[in-house]
Amino acid sequence: MRITGLGHAGMFIETTGGSILCDPVLGPSFFGSWFPFPDNRGLDWERFGKADFLYISHRHRDHFDPRLLEQYVPKDIKVLLPEYPTDDLETDLRNLGYDNIVYTQAGVSLEYGELKLMVTPLRAPSDGPIGDSSLSVDDGTASMLNQNDSHPLDLEKLLSFSKPDAYFTQVSGAIWWPMVYDLPQDAKRNFAKLKRDAQNKRALYYIEKVDAEHVFPMAGPPMFLREELFRYNGWGIEDDAIFTDQQQFLDHMAVERPDQQGYLFVPGTQVDLDHADLTVTQTLYTDAEIARIFGEKWEYLAEQRDSRQDEVRAEEARRAPVLPPEEMLAAIKEWWEPLLRRARTIRDGVGGNVRFRIGELDMVVDFPKAKVREYAGEECIYWYTIPADLVSTNIADHEIDWSNSIFLSMQFEVGRSGKFNEFLTTFLKCLSRDRIEYVENWYAEQSDQTEDAQLGDWVVQRRCPHLRADLTKTGKIEDGVLTCSLHDWSWDLRSGKCLTSQGHSIRAHAVEDELYRDATVPAA
């Protein structure tokens, strides 16, 4: 088996049963904000485009690049489609002319001669744009797991496919927190460090559980080449960003997991795998160039910024004309109010007004009343400031996932009066009837009673209220606080209150309380 790095989460897998092109991206993505790091334009995209299979893990534009596909990938290629609850990814692909669709089933293997593969999707509202997935591949000579951005909950089922010889996983952030938030600079630095630490901890959790012989950190970081975002590259010029690079993670892994071998995976990295025997060759960059990219990163990034502004300007030229404020308000009102009326759980979860300042438009979304109107001085729990051309483009494109456009672009500002509100973010990535109905049903299922389990001196509900992870495997208790290692959500066990996000309490009590109760109940 041969695996070639294509940049970010992209890879080209050559097997005894055919080749697979995974998540190819040239960018720039997210309104011209994200470029793959390091630069991947020098790859032979004509060759990689002639793969036997195309696998797009999810809709996020740092994994799904329509312009690259149209330029390099033939329309008759077999497309491995993850089994998602809504058909948004399939619709996007068919709109590009790709109709040779292979409908994979969750956790079910497909065989093509010597090639065996499996796509494992996730379907929670917090998983990418309602969906993320991983790809398992085995061709008899080797086995690999391409986990990219996904955070699978049932690792036992995933790893039952085969034990991977090589493991590829996300280690960098892919979120806008805390960079765009209205926070004091000291707070931003602190929150950025906490976020980087949580990302490292989550990646190491999976690395430990998968226990592959060879580990390849990937799926980031981006390069920010827009002038106003340049300062947020890597850990930030002022240490207030979250984008750990491949070498930084490898250095961290060498300390935390010294018995497992990690390798640099950049555009052109060629991994030849024969079961556990491995050879790594750099085909695009020399060792000296790689040393400079990571050792003199800010100089390299500045060169990229100065030489690629034509790509930034070209993206800006593709944006829609700015709508007048009254037309923009009418369009959002017509679009969002029917969705709000269907989103009772989301409305209750947001529980207040959210203000949007969009160019000359100043509007409020009243979640309790399911109304969109001009702002009139109401108290708000969140407030966004967004350029009008970005919103006008999303209206023109009817972009149903604003995390997949505006938010990951980081070309906006936001403030809030309390803690993170998952329900608000979920609404803004679910701006279609199908998505809203799916999410409302998903939340209803999460409120079902589940079995309890004992963790140390506590009895807690077995499933995490966030994404249903098995807390007997992912939970850790310290000083009466339970933390789920997948996303670092925490609960105070005495009260059951979620310390991370409102509205996600947990059922818990101390074992000694249960023993006391049993001892004081009169015998029948």
Protein backbone atom coordinates (compact mmCIF):
# COMPACT_ATOMS: atom_id res chain seq x y z
CA MET A 1 0.00 0.00 0.00
CA ARG A 2 1.20 3.51 -0.82
CA ILE A 3 -0.26 6.65 0.74
CA THR A 4 0.71 10.09 -0.57
CA GLY A 5 -0.02 13.30 1.35
CA LEU A 6 -1.92 15.94 -0.64
CA GLY A 7 -2.07 18.67 1.98
CA HIS A 8 -4.39 19.31 4.92
CA ALA A 9 -6.49 16.10 5.19
CA GLY A 10 -5.97 15.08 1.58
CA MET A 11 -4.33 11.81 0.60
CA PHE A 12 -4.01 9.46 -2.37
CA ILE A 13 -4.15 5.77 -1.40
CA GLU A 14 -2.82 3.18 -3.87
CA THR A 15 -3.78 -0.41 -3.09
CA THR A 16 -3.79 -3.83 -4.74
CA GLY A 17 -7.48 -3.28 -5.54
CA GLY A 18 -7.51 0.31 -6.78
CA SER A 19 -6.69 3.87 -5.77
CA ILE A 20 -8.66 6.28 -3.58
CA LEU A 21 -8.50 10.08 -3.72
CA CYS A 22 -9.43 11.48 -0.28
CA ASP A 23 -10.45 15.05 0.58
CA PRO A 24 -8.37 16.86 -2.09
CA VAL A 25 -8.22 20.62 -1.47
CA LEU A 26 -6.25 23.45 -3.08
CA GLY A 27 -8.36 26.30 -1.76
CA PRO A 28 -8.52 28.96 -0.69
CA SER A 29 -11.51 27.91 1.40
CA PHE A 30 -14.03 29.72 3.62
CA PHE A 31 -14.25 33.04 1.77
CA GLY A 32 -10.58 33.03 0.89
CA SER A 33 -9.30 32.51 4.43
CA TRP A 34 -7.81 28.97 4.52
CA PHE A 35 -4.91 27.74 2.41
CA PRO A 36 -3.33 24.28 2.93
CA PHE A 37 -0.07 24.37 4.93
CA PRO A 38 2.48 23.86 3.48
CA ASP A 39 1.69 24.96 -0.10
CA ASN A 40 0.43 21.97 -2.12
CA ARG A 41 0.15 23.52 -5.60
CA GLY A 42 3.27 21.70 -6.82
CA LEU A 43 1.67 18.25 -6.67
CA ASP A 44 0.75 16.28 -9.80
CA TRP A 45 -3.01 16.83 -9.53
CA GLU A 46 -3.64 15.39 -13.00
CA ARG A 47 -2.31 12.01 -11.81
CA PHE A 48 -4.13 12.02 -8.49
CA GLY A 49 -7.39 13.00 -10.19
CA LYS A 50 -7.36 9.74 -12.17
CA ALA A 51 -8.09 7.65 -9.05
CA ASP A 52 -10.55 4.76 -9.06
CA PHE A 53 -12.52 6.13 -6.10
CA LEU A 54 -13.25 9.57 -4.66
CA TYR A 55 -13.88 9.88 -0.92
CA ILE A 56 -15.11 13.19 0.54
CA SER A 57 -15.34 12.79 4.29
CA HIS A 58 -17.78 15.69 4.81
CA ARG A 59 -18.97 19.01 3.38
CA HIS A 60 -16.53 21.38 5.09
CA ARG A 61 -14.71 23.28 2.38
CA ASP A 62 -11.26 22.38 3.73
CA HIS A 63 -12.20 18.80 2.70
CA PHE A 64 -14.51 19.43 -0.26
CA ASP A 65 -13.12 21.74 -2.96
CA PRO A 66 -15.56 21.99 -5.89
CA ARG A 67 -13.17 23.95 -8.14
CA LEU A 68 -10.41 21.36 -7.75
CA LEU A 69 -12.82 18.52 -8.47
CA GLU A 70 -14.14 20.18 -11.61
CA GLN A 71 -10.61 20.83 -12.88
CA TYR A 72 -8.91 17.51 -12.12
CA VAL A 73 -11.37 14.71 -11.26
CA PRO A 74 -13.40 12.98 -14.03
CA LYS A 75 -17.17 12.88 -13.58
CA ASP A 76 -17.38 9.08 -13.93
CA ILE A 77 -15.22 8.34 -10.88
CA LYS A 78 -16.82 6.08 -8.27
CA VAL A 79 -17.76 8.25 -5.27
CA LEU A 80 -17.79 6.66 -1.81
CA LEU A 81 -20.69 8.45 -0.12
CA PRO A 82 -20.91 8.34 3.70
CA GLU A 83 -24.32 7.38 5.07
CA TYR A 84 -25.49 10.72 6.42
CA PRO A 85 -28.99 11.57 7.70
CA THR A 86 -29.44 14.38 5.17
CA ASP A 87 -28.47 14.33 1.50
CA ASP A 88 -26.59 17.65 1.38
CA LEU A 89 -23.22 16.14 0.42
CA GLU A 90 -24.79 13.95 -2.25
CA THR A 91 -26.66 16.97 -3.65
CA ASP A 92 -23.44 18.99 -3.79
CA LEU A 93 -21.64 16.19 -5.63
CA ARG A 94 -24.46 15.55 -8.09
CA ASN A 95 -24.68 19.29 -8.82
CA LEU A 96 -21.04 19.03 -9.92
CA GLY A 97 -21.93 16.12 -12.24
CA TYR A 98 -20.75 13.19 -10.10
CA ASP A 99 -23.47 10.55 -10.30
CA ASN A 100 -21.49 7.28 -10.05
CA ILE A 101 -22.37 7.10 -6.36
CA VAL A 102 -21.45 4.16 -4.11
CA TYR A 103 -23.85 4.30 -1.16
CA THR A 104 -21.81 3.04 1.76
CA GLN A 105 -23.46 1.77 4.92
CA ALA A 106 -22.27 2.81 8.34
CA GLY A 107 -19.62 0.41 9.58
CA VAL A 108 -20.21 -2.12 6.77
CA SER A 109 -17.25 -3.30 4.67
CA LEU A 110 -17.16 -3.14 0.88
CA GLU A 111 -14.86 -5.37 -1.16
CA TYR A 112 -13.30 -4.71 -4.57
CA GLY A 113 -11.00 -7.63 -5.31
CA GLU A 114 -8.18 -7.47 -2.78
CA LEU A 115 -9.39 -4.09 -1.55
CA LYS A 116 -11.62 -3.93 1.50
CA LEU A 117 -12.84 -0.57 2.75
CA MET A 118 -15.31 0.83 5.26
CA VAL A 119 -16.74 4.32 5.83
CA THR A 120 -17.82 5.09 9.39
CA PRO A 121 -19.99 8.22 9.65
CA LEU A 122 -20.91 10.31 12.67
CA ARG A 123 -24.26 12.04 12.65
CA ALA A 124 -24.55 14.34 15.66
CA PRO A 125 -25.21 18.08 15.17
CA SER A 126 -21.73 18.86 16.50
CA ASP A 127 -19.99 16.53 14.00
CA GLY A 128 -18.85 18.77 11.18
CA PRO A 129 -21.90 19.96 9.23
CA ILE A 130 -24.15 17.22 10.68
CA GLY A 131 -21.77 14.58 9.63
CA ASP A 132 -18.16 13.59 9.65
CA SER A 133 -16.61 10.27 8.75
CA SER A 134 -13.53 8.09 8.73
CA LEU A 135 -12.20 5.68 6.10
CA SER A 136 -10.72 2.26 6.86
CA VAL A 137 -8.70 0.52 4.13
CA ASP A 138 -7.16 -2.97 3.96
CA ASP A 139 -5.76 -4.57 0.80
CA GLY A 140 -4.07 -7.64 2.27
CA THR A 141 -0.65 -5.98 2.28
CA ALA A 142 -1.47 -3.37 4.92
CA SER A 143 -4.28 -1.69 6.84
CA MET A 144 -4.77 2.03 7.49
CA LEU A 145 -7.29 4.29 9.19
CA ASN A 146 -7.92 7.78 7.84
CA GLN A 147 -9.81 9.41 10.72
CA ASN A 148 -9.31 13.01 9.49
CA ASP A 149 -11.57 15.38 11.53
CA SER A 150 -13.94 12.77 12.92
CA HIS A 151 -14.17 11.87 16.60
CA PRO A 152 -15.70 8.38 16.61
CA LEU A 153 -17.48 7.21 19.72
CA ASP A 154 -17.53 3.44 19.21
CA LEU A 155 -13.86 2.66 18.66
CA GLU A 156 -14.31 -1.05 19.29
CA LYS A 157 -16.66 -1.34 16.33
CA LEU A 158 -14.45 0.87 14.17
CA LEU A 159 -11.32 -1.14 14.96
CA SER A 160 -13.07 -4.46 14.39
CA PHE A 161 -12.50 -3.81 10.66
CA SER A 162 -8.79 -4.54 11.19
CA LYS A 163 -6.01 -3.22 13.38
CA PRO A 164 -4.43 -0.32 11.46
CA ASP A 165 -0.73 -0.43 10.67
CA ALA A 166 -0.86 3.32 9.93
CA TYR A 167 -3.13 5.87 11.56
CA PHE A 168 -3.89 9.37 10.20
CA THR A 169 -5.69 11.80 12.49
CA GLN A 170 -6.49 15.47 13.09
CA VAL A 171 -4.29 17.32 15.56
CA SER A 172 -4.90 20.99 14.71
CA GLY A 173 -7.90 23.12 15.59
CA ALA A 174 -10.70 23.81 13.12
CA ILE A 175 -12.79 26.36 15.00
CA TRP A 176 -13.00 30.13 15.39
CA TRP A 177 -12.76 30.16 19.20
CA PRO A 178 -11.30 32.25 20.79
CA MET A 179 -9.75 34.30 17.98
CA VAL A 180 -12.86 36.20 16.83
CA TYR A 181 -14.36 36.73 20.28
CA ASP A 182 -14.66 40.06 22.07
CA LEU A 183 -12.32 39.20 24.95
CA PRO A 184 -9.40 40.84 26.77
CA GLN A 185 -6.09 39.80 25.23
CA ASP A 186 -4.95 37.94 28.36
CA ALA A 187 -8.18 35.93 28.31
CA LYS A 188 -7.69 35.09 24.64
CA ARG A 189 -4.21 33.78 25.32
CA ASN A 190 -5.46 31.68 28.20
CA PHE A 191 -8.41 30.24 26.28
CA ALA A 192 -6.21 29.54 23.24
CA LYS A 193 -3.78 27.57 25.37
CA LEU A 194 -6.62 25.62 26.98
CA LYS A 195 -8.01 24.83 23.53
CA ARG A 196 -4.62 23.67 22.22
CA ASP A 197 -4.14 21.52 25.31
CA ALA A 198 -7.60 19.97 24.84
CA GLN A 199 -6.84 19.23 21.17
CA ASN A 200 -3.58 17.54 22.12
CA LYS A 201 -5.28 15.52 24.81
CA ARG A 202 -8.05 14.37 22.45
CA ALA A 203 -5.57 13.37 19.74
CA LEU A 204 -3.45 11.45 22.23
CA TYR A 205 -6.56 9.70 23.54
CA TYR A 206 -7.28 8.32 20.07
CA ILE A 207 -3.65 7.52 19.39
CA GLU A 208 -3.53 5.48 22.59
CA LYS A 209 -6.80 3.65 21.86
CA VAL A 210 -6.07 2.91 18.20
CA ASP A 211 -2.52 1.81 19.15
CA ALA A 212 -1.22 1.77 15.57
CA GLU A 213 2.42 1.09 14.86
CA HIS A 214 2.77 4.31 12.83
CA VAL A 215 1.01 7.65 13.49
CA PHE A 216 0.63 10.58 11.06
CA PRO A 217 -0.75 13.90 12.35
CA MET A 218 -2.67 15.77 9.66
CA ALA A 219 -5.87 17.77 8.91
CA GLY A 220 -4.34 21.17 9.48
CA PRO A 221 -3.21 23.67 10.28
CA PRO A 222 -4.40 26.20 7.69
CA MET A 223 -2.39 29.11 6.38
CA PHE A 224 -4.14 32.46 6.86
CA LEU A 225 -2.89 34.68 4.03
CA ARG A 226 -5.47 37.45 4.24
CA GLU A 227 -3.72 40.45 5.76
CA GLU A 228 -6.17 40.88 8.63
CA LEU A 229 -5.97 37.19 9.62
CA PHE A 230 -2.22 36.64 9.16
CA ARG A 231 -1.55 37.16 12.89
CA TYR A 232 -3.61 34.04 13.72
CA ASN A 233 -1.36 31.56 11.95
CA GLY A 234 -0.09 28.74 14.13
CA TRP A 235 -0.28 29.69 17.80
CA GLY A 236 -0.62 33.33 16.82
CA ILE A 237 1.83 36.21 16.81
CA GLU A 238 0.53 37.02 20.31
CA ASP A 239 0.04 33.39 21.41
CA ASP A 240 -3.74 33.72 21.02
CA ALA A 241 -4.49 31.12 18.31
CA ILE A 242 -5.06 27.37 18.31
CA PHE A 243 -3.54 25.98 15.11
CA THR A 244 -0.90 23.46 16.18
CA ASP A 245 1.24 22.32 13.26
CA GLN A 246 2.40 18.81 12.44
CA GLN A 247 5.91 19.22 13.89
CA GLN A 248 4.65 20.83 17.11
CA PHE A 249 2.36 17.89 17.70
CA LEU A 250 5.06 15.36 16.90
CA ASP A 251 7.31 17.05 19.48
CA HIS A 252 4.49 16.81 22.04
CA MET A 253 3.74 13.20 21.14
CA ALA A 254 7.41 12.23 21.55
CA VAL A 255 7.15 13.27 25.21
CA GLU A 256 3.68 11.89 25.95
CA ARG A 257 3.82 8.69 23.84
CA PRO A 258 7.52 7.82 23.50
CA ASP A 259 6.78 4.20 22.58
CA GLN A 260 4.74 5.12 19.49
CA GLN A 261 6.33 6.41 16.31
CA GLY A 262 5.02 9.59 14.69
CA TYR A 263 5.93 10.89 11.23
CA LEU A 264 5.72 14.20 9.42
CA PHE A 265 2.94 14.09 6.79
CA VAL A 266 2.96 17.05 4.38
CA PRO A 267 2.16 17.51 0.68
CA GLY A 268 4.21 14.95 -1.23
CA THR A 269 4.97 12.68 1.72
CA GLN A 270 4.99 9.13 0.31
CA VAL A 271 4.29 6.32 2.77
CA ASP A 272 5.05 2.80 1.51
CA LEU A 273 3.49 0.25 3.83
CA ASP A 274 3.90 -3.52 3.90
CA HIS A 275 2.06 -4.54 7.05
CA ALA A 276 4.18 -2.99 9.83
CA ASP A 277 7.20 -2.36 7.56
CA LEU A 278 7.25 1.27 6.52
CA THR A 279 9.26 3.63 4.34
CA VAL A 280 8.63 7.39 4.29
CA THR A 281 9.89 9.52 1.41
CA GLN A 282 9.42 13.25 0.76
CA THR A 283 8.70 13.78 -2.94
CA LEU A 284 7.65 17.47 -3.13
CA TYR A 285 9.92 19.15 -0.59
CA THR A 286 13.54 18.45 0.28
CA ASP A 287 14.55 17.88 3.88
CA ALA A 288 16.14 21.33 3.92
CA GLU A 289 12.95 22.94 2.63
CA ILE A 290 10.86 21.14 5.25
CA ALA A 291 13.27 22.22 7.99
CA ARG A 292 12.87 25.83 6.87
CA ILE A 293 9.06 25.62 6.56
CA PHE A 294 8.74 24.57 10.19
CA GLY A 295 11.89 26.16 11.62
CA GLU A 296 11.37 29.57 10.00
CA LYS A 297 7.60 29.36 9.75
CA TRP A 298 6.72 33.05 9.97
CA GLU A 299 9.16 33.90 7.16
CA TYR A 300 7.68 31.10 5.01
CA LEU A 301 4.14 32.28 5.76
CA ALA A 302 5.02 35.86 4.88
CA GLU A 303 6.39 34.72 1.51
CA GLN A 304 3.19 32.79 0.85
CA ARG A 305 1.07 35.80 1.84
CA ASP A 306 2.97 38.21 -0.36
CA SER A 307 2.86 35.94 -3.42
CA ARG A 308 -0.78 34.79 -3.28
CA GLN A 309 -2.90 37.91 -2.90
CA ASP A 310 -4.24 37.37 -6.43
CA GLU A 311 -6.07 34.29 -5.10
CA VAL A 312 -7.55 36.34 -2.26
CA ARG A 313 -8.72 39.04 -4.68
CA ALA A 314 -10.17 36.44 -7.06
CA GLU A 315 -12.26 34.98 -4.24
CA GLU A 316 -13.52 38.42 -3.23
CA ALA A 317 -14.55 39.08 -6.84
CA ARG A 318 -16.77 35.97 -6.79
CA ARG A 319 -18.90 37.23 -3.89
CA ALA A 320 -22.47 38.35 -4.47
CA PRO A 321 -23.42 42.05 -4.63
CA VAL A 322 -24.34 43.49 -1.24
CA LEU A 323 -28.09 43.55 -0.62
CA PRO A 324 -29.74 46.71 0.73
CA PRO A 325 -30.51 46.35 4.47
CA GLU A 326 -34.28 46.07 4.03
CA GLU A 327 -33.90 43.35 1.36
CA MET A 328 -31.41 41.44 3.49
CA LEU A 329 -33.71 41.56 6.54
CA ALA A 330 -36.69 40.39 4.45
CA ALA A 331 -34.69 37.52 2.93
CA ILE A 332 -33.39 36.28 6.31
CA LYS A 333 -36.83 36.65 7.89
CA GLU A 334 -38.48 34.61 5.13
CA TRP A 335 -35.75 31.95 5.37
CA TRP A 336 -35.26 31.63 9.11
CA GLU A 337 -38.64 32.16 10.76
CA PRO A 338 -40.23 28.93 9.40
CA LEU A 339 -37.17 27.04 10.65
CA LEU A 340 -37.36 28.68 14.07
CA ARG A 341 -40.99 27.64 14.42
CA ARG A 342 -39.94 24.02 13.84
CA ALA A 343 -37.00 24.23 16.24
CA ARG A 344 -38.59 24.15 19.68
CA THR A 345 -35.67 22.43 21.41
CA ILE A 346 -33.17 24.80 19.81
CA ARG A 347 -35.27 27.86 20.70
CA ASP A 348 -35.52 26.73 24.32
CA GLY A 349 -31.82 25.93 24.38
CA VAL A 350 -30.81 29.39 23.09
CA GLY A 351 -33.37 31.00 25.36
CA GLY A 352 -32.82 34.64 24.41
CA ASN A 353 -32.17 37.27 21.76
CA VAL A 354 -29.20 37.19 19.39
CA ARG A 355 -28.07 40.36 17.65
CA PHE A 356 -26.58 40.49 14.14
CA ARG A 357 -24.87 43.64 12.86
CA ILE A 358 -24.46 43.04 9.12
CA GLY A 359 -23.14 46.11 7.33
CA GLU A 360 -25.90 48.72 7.67
CA LEU A 361 -28.42 46.14 8.93
CA ASP A 362 -28.86 45.77 12.69
CA MET A 363 -31.23 42.89 13.41
CA VAL A 364 -32.17 40.59 16.26
CA VAL A 365 -33.29 36.96 16.23
CA ASP A 366 -35.76 36.40 19.07
CA PHE A 367 -35.40 32.67 19.63
CA PRO A 368 -38.15 32.28 22.29
CA LYS A 369 -40.69 33.96 19.99
CA ALA A 370 -39.26 32.59 16.70
CA LYS A 371 -39.03 36.07 15.19
CA VAL A 372 -36.51 38.02 13.10
CA ARG A 373 -36.77 41.82 13.28
CA GLU A 374 -34.78 45.03 13.42
CA TYR A 375 -32.80 45.51 16.62
CA ALA A 376 -34.56 47.84 19.07
CA GLY A 377 -32.24 47.86 22.06
CA GLU A 378 -33.19 44.44 23.44
CA GLU A 379 -30.85 42.68 25.84
CA CYS A 380 -28.97 39.97 23.90
CA ILE A 381 -27.03 36.90 24.95
CA TYR A 382 -24.86 36.85 21.79
CA TRP A 383 -23.95 39.55 19.28
CA TYR A 384 -22.32 39.09 15.87
CA THR A 385 -20.69 41.62 13.54
CA ILE A 386 -20.45 40.19 10.00
CA PRO A 387 -19.49 41.82 6.67
CA ALA A 388 -22.51 42.35 4.47
CA ASP A 389 -20.94 40.77 1.37
CA LEU A 390 -20.48 37.45 3.20
CA VAL A 391 -24.12 37.33 4.26
CA SER A 392 -25.30 38.48 0.82
CA THR A 393 -23.32 35.62 -0.74
CA ASN A 394 -24.79 33.09 1.68
CA ILE A 395 -28.28 34.34 0.86
CA ALA A 396 -27.58 34.11 -2.89
CA ASP A 397 -26.14 30.59 -2.49
CA HIS A 398 -28.74 29.60 0.11
CA GLU A 399 -25.84 28.32 2.21
CA ILE A 400 -27.46 26.16 4.88
CA ASP A 401 -24.37 25.87 7.08
CA TRP A 402 -22.87 29.18 8.19
CA SER A 403 -20.11 27.40 10.10
CA ASN A 404 -19.00 26.07 6.68
CA SER A 405 -18.69 29.57 5.27
CA ILE A 406 -18.72 32.65 7.49
CA PHE A 407 -17.62 31.25 10.84
CA LEU A 408 -14.64 29.21 9.67
CA SER A 409 -13.60 32.19 7.54
CA MET A 410 -12.93 34.06 10.83
CA GLN A 411 -13.95 37.24 8.97
CA PHE A 412 -16.40 38.27 11.68
CA GLU A 413 -16.55 39.19 15.36
CA VAL A 414 -18.73 37.83 18.15
CA GLY A 415 -19.39 38.45 21.82
CA ARG A 416 -21.55 36.70 24.40
CA SER A 417 -22.86 37.37 27.88
CA GLY A 418 -22.36 33.86 29.23
CA LYS A 419 -20.95 30.48 28.28
CA PHE A 420 -20.89 28.83 24.88
CA ASN A 421 -24.36 28.00 23.59
CA GLU A 422 -24.31 24.86 21.46
CA PHE A 423 -27.94 25.30 20.39
CA LEU A 424 -27.21 28.65 18.72
CA THR A 425 -24.25 27.28 16.78
CA THR A 426 -26.32 24.25 15.80
CA PHE A 427 -29.12 26.44 14.43
CA LEU A 428 -26.69 28.44 12.31
CA LYS A 429 -25.34 25.25 10.70
CA CYS A 430 -28.83 23.77 10.16
CA LEU A 431 -30.58 26.33 7.99
CA SER A 432 -32.78 23.88 6.09
CA ARG A 433 -35.98 22.06 6.96
CA ASP A 434 -34.34 18.61 6.68
CA ARG A 435 -31.52 19.57 9.01
CA ILE A 436 -33.75 21.23 11.59
CA GLU A 437 -36.08 18.24 11.72
CA TYR A 438 -33.17 15.83 12.04
CA VAL A 439 -31.55 17.84 14.84
CA GLU A 440 -34.79 18.27 16.75
CA ASN A 441 -35.34 14.50 16.63
CA TRP A 442 -31.70 13.91 17.60
CA TYR A 443 -32.02 16.10 20.68
CA ALA A 444 -35.25 14.32 21.62
CA GLU A 445 -33.45 10.97 21.50
CA GLN A 446 -30.66 12.28 23.74
CA SER A 447 -33.17 13.08 26.46
CA ASP A 448 -34.19 9.43 26.70
CA GLN A 449 -33.28 7.67 29.96
CA THR A 450 -30.14 5.58 29.65
CA GLU A 451 -28.48 3.03 31.86
CA ASP A 452 -26.23 4.16 34.68
CA ALA A 453 -22.66 3.11 35.34
CA GLN A 454 -20.30 3.43 38.28
CA LEU A 455 -17.19 5.57 37.84
CA GLY A 456 -15.06 5.48 40.96
CA ASP A 457 -17.18 6.76 43.85
CA TRP A 458 -19.98 8.01 41.59
CA VAL A 459 -22.91 6.56 39.68
CA VAL A 460 -23.55 8.51 36.47
CA GLN A 461 -25.57 8.07 33.32
CA ARG A 462 -23.48 5.98 30.98
CA ARG A 463 -23.85 8.18 27.89
CA CYS A 464 -22.40 11.67 27.60
CA PRO A 465 -25.18 14.26 27.09
CA HIS A 466 -23.07 15.96 24.45
CA LEU A 467 -22.45 13.27 21.81
CA ARG A 468 -23.46 10.02 23.55
CA ALA A 469 -19.91 8.80 24.18
CA ASP A 470 -19.61 5.90 26.64
CA LEU A 471 -18.39 7.62 29.80
CA THR A 472 -17.04 4.37 31.24
CA LYS A 473 -14.41 4.68 28.46
CA THR A 474 -14.05 8.43 27.97
CA GLY A 475 -14.90 9.81 31.43
CA LYS A 476 -12.46 10.94 34.11
CA ILE A 477 -13.39 12.26 37.57
CA GLU A 478 -11.27 14.68 39.60
CA ASP A 479 -12.50 16.59 42.68
CA GLY A 480 -16.14 15.87 41.94
CA VAL A 481 -15.92 17.03 38.31
CA LEU A 482 -16.52 14.58 35.46
CA THR A 483 -14.76 15.33 32.16
CA CYS A 484 -15.41 13.52 28.88
CA SER A 485 -12.06 13.23 27.11
CA LEU A 486 -13.48 13.47 23.58
CA HIS A 487 -14.37 17.17 23.71
CA ASP A 488 -13.43 18.17 27.27
CA TRP A 489 -17.03 18.79 28.35
CA SER A 490 -17.32 18.79 32.16
CA TRP A 491 -20.01 18.40 34.83
CA ASP A 492 -20.22 19.13 38.53
CA LEU A 493 -21.39 15.77 39.83
CA ARG A 494 -23.03 17.08 43.02
CA SER A 495 -25.43 19.27 41.08
CA GLY A 496 -25.31 17.54 37.67
CA LYS A 497 -24.76 20.97 36.10
CA CYS A 498 -22.77 21.17 32.89
CA LEU A 499 -19.76 23.45 33.37
CA THR A 500 -19.13 23.73 29.63
CA SER A 501 -22.48 24.63 28.06
CA GLN A 502 -25.88 25.44 29.46
CA GLY A 503 -28.72 22.97 29.08
CA HIS A 504 -26.74 19.71 29.21
CA SER A 505 -27.04 18.49 32.78
CA ILE A 506 -26.09 14.95 33.76
CA ARG A 507 -27.70 12.39 36.05
CA ALA A 508 -25.31 11.51 38.87
CA HIS A 509 -25.07 10.65 42.55
CA ALA A 510 -22.40 9.43 44.91
CA VAL A 511 -22.15 5.69 45.60
CA GLU A 512 -22.32 6.43 49.33
CA ASP A 513 -25.67 8.16 48.82
CA GLU A 514 -27.00 5.04 47.11
CA LEU A 515 -25.70 2.82 49.91
CA TYR A 516 -27.29 5.11 52.50
CA ARG A 517 -30.60 5.00 50.65
CA ASP A 518 -30.52 1.21 50.46
CA ALA A 519 -29.71 0.94 54.17
CA THR A 520 -32.58 3.19 55.25
CA VAL A 521 -35.33 1.63 53.13
CA PRO A 522 -37.43 -0.63 55.39
CA ALA A 523 -37.45 -4.31 54.45
CA ALA A 524 -40.63 -5.52 52.78
